[in-house]
Protein backbone atom coordinates (compact mmCIF):
# COMPACT_ATOMS: atom_id res chain seq x y z
CA UNK A 1 -4.70 16.91 -14.46
CA UNK A 2 -5.60 13.25 -13.96
CA UNK A 3 -7.84 11.15 -16.22
CA UNK A 4 -10.89 9.11 -15.29
CA UNK A 5 -13.68 7.52 -17.27
CA UNK A 6 -16.27 9.74 -15.60
CA UNK A 7 -16.12 12.13 -12.68
CA UNK A 8 -18.50 10.11 -10.52
CA UNK A 9 -15.99 7.25 -10.59
CA UNK A 10 -13.55 9.22 -8.45
CA UNK A 11 -15.76 11.50 -6.34
CA UNK A 12 -16.94 8.90 -3.76
CA UNK A 13 -13.50 7.34 -3.51
CA UNK A 14 -11.79 10.61 -2.71
CA UNK A 15 -14.63 11.60 -0.38
CA UNK A 16 -13.74 8.48 1.62
CA UNK A 17 -10.15 9.79 1.78
CA UNK A 18 -11.38 13.09 3.20
CA UNK A 19 -11.28 15.21 0.04
CA UNK A 20 -13.89 17.88 -0.67
CA UNK A 21 -15.14 18.99 -4.07
CA UNK A 22 -14.16 22.60 -4.79
CA UNK A 23 -15.19 22.82 -8.45
CA UNK A 24 -17.06 20.72 -11.00
CA UNK A 25 -18.30 21.19 -14.54
CA UNK A 26 -19.80 18.82 -17.11
CA UNK A 27 -19.64 21.09 -20.17
CA UNK A 28 -17.88 21.80 -22.40
CA UNK A 29 -15.63 19.13 -20.86
CA UNK A 30 -16.02 17.13 -17.63
CA UNK A 31 -13.68 18.66 -15.06
CA UNK A 32 -13.33 18.27 -11.29
CA UNK A 33 -11.25 19.81 -8.50
CA UNK A 34 -10.79 18.12 -5.11
CA UNK A 35 -8.98 19.37 -2.03
CA UNK A 36 -7.76 17.90 1.25
CA UNK A 37 -5.63 20.24 3.32
CA UNK A 38 -2.68 21.16 1.16
CA UNK A 39 -3.42 18.55 -1.51
CA UNK A 40 -5.26 19.77 -4.63
CA UNK A 41 -6.14 17.24 -7.35
CA UNK A 42 -7.73 18.01 -10.71
CA UNK A 43 -9.48 15.44 -12.94
CA UNK A 44 -10.91 15.35 -16.43
CA UNK A 45 -13.42 12.83 -17.77
CA UNK A 46 -12.71 10.73 -20.86
CA UNK A 47 -15.49 8.29 -21.76
CA UNK A 48 -13.32 5.69 -23.53
CA UNK A 49 -10.49 5.80 -20.99
CA UNK A 50 -9.21 2.50 -19.54
CA UNK A 51 -7.97 2.95 -15.93
CA UNK A 52 -5.71 -0.09 -16.30
CA UNK A 53 -3.68 1.86 -18.86
CA UNK A 54 -3.42 5.08 -16.87
CA UNK A 55 -0.03 6.76 -16.63
CA UNK A 56 -1.29 9.33 -14.10
CA UNK A 57 1.15 9.85 -11.23
CA UNK A 58 1.17 12.36 -8.38
CA UNK A 59 3.87 12.77 -5.75
CA UNK A 60 2.63 13.93 -2.35
CA UNK A 61 5.11 14.80 0.41
CA UNK A 62 3.85 14.72 4.00
CA UNK A 63 5.63 14.81 7.38
CA UNK A 64 3.99 11.62 8.67
CA UNK A 65 2.99 8.97 6.13
CA UNK A 66 1.75 6.64 8.88
CA UNK A 67 -0.75 9.17 10.21
CA UNK A 68 -2.11 9.93 6.74
CA UNK A 69 -2.36 6.23 5.94
CA UNK A 70 -4.38 5.65 9.11
CA UNK A 71 -6.78 8.45 8.15
CA UNK A 72 -7.13 7.20 4.57
CA UNK A 73 -7.59 3.60 5.75
CA UNK A 74 -10.29 4.54 8.27
CA UNK A 75 -12.21 6.40 5.58
CA UNK A 76 -11.96 3.54 3.08
CA UNK A 77 -13.08 0.98 5.66
CA UNK A 78 -16.06 3.14 6.60
CA UNK A 79 -17.06 3.65 2.96
CA UNK A 80 -16.32 0.21 1.52
CA UNK A 81 -16.42 -2.07 4.54
CA UNK A 82 -12.81 -3.16 3.95
CA UNK A 83 -9.42 -1.91 2.88
CA UNK A 84 -8.99 -2.46 -0.88
CA UNK A 85 -5.55 -4.07 -1.31
CA UNK A 86 -5.86 -5.49 -4.82
CA UNK A 87 -7.15 -4.33 -8.19
CA UNK A 88 -8.34 -0.80 -8.97
CA UNK A 89 -8.76 1.06 -6.66
CA UNK A 90 -6.32 -0.06 -3.95
CA UNK A 91 -3.99 1.19 -1.25
CA UNK A 92 -0.62 -0.19 -0.17
CA UNK A 93 0.81 -0.26 3.34
CA UNK A 94 3.45 2.28 4.41
CA UNK A 95 6.87 0.73 3.77
CA UNK A 96 10.46 1.78 3.25
CA UNK A 97 11.84 1.05 -0.21
CA UNK A 98 15.35 0.46 -1.50
CA UNK A 99 16.89 3.70 -2.77
CA UNK A 100 13.90 5.94 -2.13
CA UNK A 101 11.78 7.42 0.64
CA UNK A 102 9.33 5.54 2.78
CA UNK A 103 5.60 5.82 2.22
CA UNK A 104 2.60 4.24 0.57
CA UNK A 105 0.61 4.37 -2.67
CA UNK A 106 -3.04 4.96 -3.47
CA UNK A 107 -4.32 3.80 -6.87
CA UNK A 108 -7.61 5.57 -7.51
CA UNK A 109 -10.59 4.40 -9.64
CA UNK A 110 -9.03 6.17 -12.62
CA UNK A 111 -5.89 4.06 -12.28
CA UNK A 112 -3.88 7.10 -11.16
CA UNK A 113 -1.07 6.56 -8.63
CA UNK A 114 -0.78 8.88 -5.63
CA UNK A 115 2.69 8.23 -4.25
CA UNK A 116 2.71 9.40 -0.62
CA UNK A 117 6.27 9.96 0.65
CA UNK A 118 7.90 11.36 3.75
CA UNK A 119 9.34 14.87 3.61
CA UNK A 120 13.07 14.88 4.20
CA UNK A 121 13.23 11.09 4.54
CA UNK A 122 16.05 9.19 2.85
CA UNK A 123 17.09 5.58 2.77
CA UNK A 124 19.32 4.48 5.62
CA UNK A 125 21.31 1.33 6.24
CA UNK A 126 19.19 0.48 9.26
CA UNK A 127 15.45 0.42 9.60
CA UNK A 128 13.80 3.31 11.47
CA UNK A 129 12.77 2.83 15.07
CA UNK A 130 9.08 3.53 14.56
CA UNK A 131 6.51 1.53 12.63
CA UNK A 132 5.41 4.61 10.65
CA UNK A 133 6.89 3.26 7.42
CA UNK A 134 6.10 -0.37 8.03
CA UNK A 135 9.12 -1.22 10.16
CA UNK A 136 9.97 -1.78 13.78
CA UNK A 137 13.51 -1.39 15.01
CA UNK A 138 13.03 -4.43 17.25
CA UNK A 139 12.30 -6.70 14.31
CA UNK A 140 14.90 -5.43 11.80
CA UNK A 141 17.26 -8.29 11.01
CA UNK A 142 18.39 -10.64 8.30
CA UNK A 143 15.37 -10.02 6.11
CA UNK A 144 15.22 -6.21 6.31
CA UNK A 145 17.12 -5.67 3.04
CA UNK A 146 14.90 -8.25 1.38
CA UNK A 147 11.86 -6.20 2.35
CA UNK A 148 13.44 -2.98 1.09
CA UNK A 149 14.21 -4.54 -2.29
CA UNK A 150 10.79 -6.16 -2.60
CA UNK A 151 8.95 -2.95 -1.72
CA UNK A 152 10.96 -1.12 -4.38
CA UNK A 153 9.73 -3.61 -6.99
CA UNK A 154 6.21 -4.25 -5.75
CA UNK A 155 5.09 -0.85 -4.46
CA UNK A 156 7.28 1.70 -6.24
CA UNK A 157 7.44 -0.04 -9.63
CA UNK A 158 4.18 -2.00 -9.45
CA UNK A 159 6.00 -5.21 -10.46
CA UNK A 160 4.39 -7.77 -8.18
CA UNK A 161 6.08 -10.76 -9.87
CA UNK A 162 9.55 -9.34 -9.26
CA UNK A 163 8.71 -8.49 -5.64
CA UNK A 164 7.35 -11.98 -5.02
CA UNK A 165 10.55 -13.48 -6.42
CA UNK A 166 12.66 -11.26 -4.12
CA UNK A 167 10.68 -12.27 -1.02
CA UNK A 168 10.69 -15.99 -1.83
CA UNK A 169 14.44 -15.94 -2.56
CA UNK A 170 15.06 -14.10 0.71
CA UNK A 171 13.06 -16.59 2.74
CA UNK A 172 14.91 -19.48 1.10
CA UNK A 173 18.27 -17.80 1.72
CA UNK A 174 17.55 -17.31 5.44
CA UNK A 175 15.84 -20.50 6.66
CA UNK A 176 17.05 -19.80 10.19
CA UNK A 177 15.28 -16.42 10.42
CA UNK A 178 13.17 -16.07 13.53
CA UNK A 179 9.38 -16.08 13.45
CA UNK A 180 9.36 -12.35 14.20
CA UNK A 181 11.65 -11.72 11.22
CA UNK A 182 9.57 -13.92 8.93
CA UNK A 183 6.13 -12.50 9.72
CA UNK A 184 6.41 -9.15 7.86
CA UNK A 185 7.95 -10.87 4.84
CA UNK A 186 5.25 -13.53 4.69
CA UNK A 187 2.44 -11.00 5.17
CA UNK A 188 3.80 -8.80 2.38
CA UNK A 189 4.18 -11.91 0.20
CA UNK A 190 0.52 -12.79 0.84
CA UNK A 191 -0.50 -9.22 -0.03
CA UNK A 192 1.43 -9.36 -3.31
CA UNK A 193 0.01 -12.76 -4.20
CA UNK A 194 -3.50 -11.45 -3.55
CA UNK A 195 -2.77 -8.33 -5.58
CA UNK A 196 -1.63 -10.46 -8.52
CA UNK A 197 -4.67 -12.76 -8.39
CA UNK A 198 -2.98 -15.79 -6.82
CA UNK A 199 -5.66 -16.34 -4.19
CA UNK A 200 -4.84 -19.91 -3.17
CA UNK A 201 -1.16 -19.14 -2.70
CA UNK A 202 -2.05 -16.02 -0.72
CA UNK A 203 -4.26 -18.05 1.62
CA UNK A 204 -1.56 -20.71 2.02
CA UNK A 205 0.96 -18.02 2.93
CA UNK A 206 -1.42 -16.56 5.51
CA UNK A 207 -1.85 -20.05 6.95
CA UNK A 208 1.93 -20.23 7.33
CA UNK A 209 1.85 -16.96 9.27
CA UNK A 210 -0.89 -18.26 11.54
CA UNK A 211 1.12 -21.43 12.25
CA UNK A 212 4.27 -19.59 13.36
CA UNK A 213 5.18 -19.96 17.02
CA UNK A 214 5.06 -16.44 18.44
CA UNK A 215 5.17 -15.60 22.12
CA UNK A 216 3.39 -12.58 23.56
CA UNK A 217 6.42 -10.33 23.13
CA UNK A 218 6.81 -11.39 19.51
CA UNK A 219 3.15 -10.76 18.78
CA UNK A 220 3.52 -7.26 20.16
CA UNK A 221 6.45 -6.55 17.83
CA UNK A 222 4.57 -7.71 14.70
CA UNK A 223 1.10 -6.61 15.80
CA UNK A 224 0.65 -4.37 12.75
CA UNK A 225 1.56 -7.22 10.39
CA UNK A 226 -0.81 -9.61 12.14
CA UNK A 227 -3.65 -7.09 11.77
CA UNK A 228 -2.79 -6.79 8.08
CA UNK A 229 -2.86 -10.58 7.75
CA UNK A 230 -6.30 -10.74 9.35
CA UNK A 231 -7.56 -7.99 7.07
CA UNK A 232 -6.14 -9.76 4.03
CA UNK A 233 -7.85 -13.02 4.96
CA UNK A 234 -11.16 -11.20 5.46
CA UNK A 235 -10.87 -9.51 2.07
CA UNK A 236 -9.94 -12.72 0.25
CA UNK A 237 -12.63 -14.72 1.98
């Protein structure tokens, strides 16, 4: 059972994610049940609750985190006009993380974390071939472990400052990394900076991405990251 200040805080958000209301009561206590396929979530209302202090966590295992992310993202864009990447609510991109499974996180208006992970997925020494979890086999290189460590801190633990430090140290340690290798790191860095309220630094990082010399083949490899960068700039602006 997950907390929220009032039920109407979470209903439209989850409707955008494709959930349907299966039960609701206001008395004697506010209570709500939502369902999407095999996912059932229950909420209770607490008038003085502060979402920023929520400890609500739900683990959701799915066979394809990329497909579910795309569906969630499409619904959020349709409902809100953009993809919320900072503050409460927000959604993170699918990424692999050091020592845990790949996936993404949704933080709902009640401050509750839905941790979407891949069924049967485990960490491997090499990045997966598909871009489902935020990777492409063609672009895995000197900075792949940096991304794994940063995602562990920034997405799994919610420690943006630690993740930023990991990414910046990795970029400094590998000044000879190719543009294709640098793009996903810089885009994630910009996302974390935006998430932590460092707007000017986020915009400067996106400008660095835009200035990188990428040929057509390189742009194809990092196409997902470039779309994320464009979406970030639109949200910040």
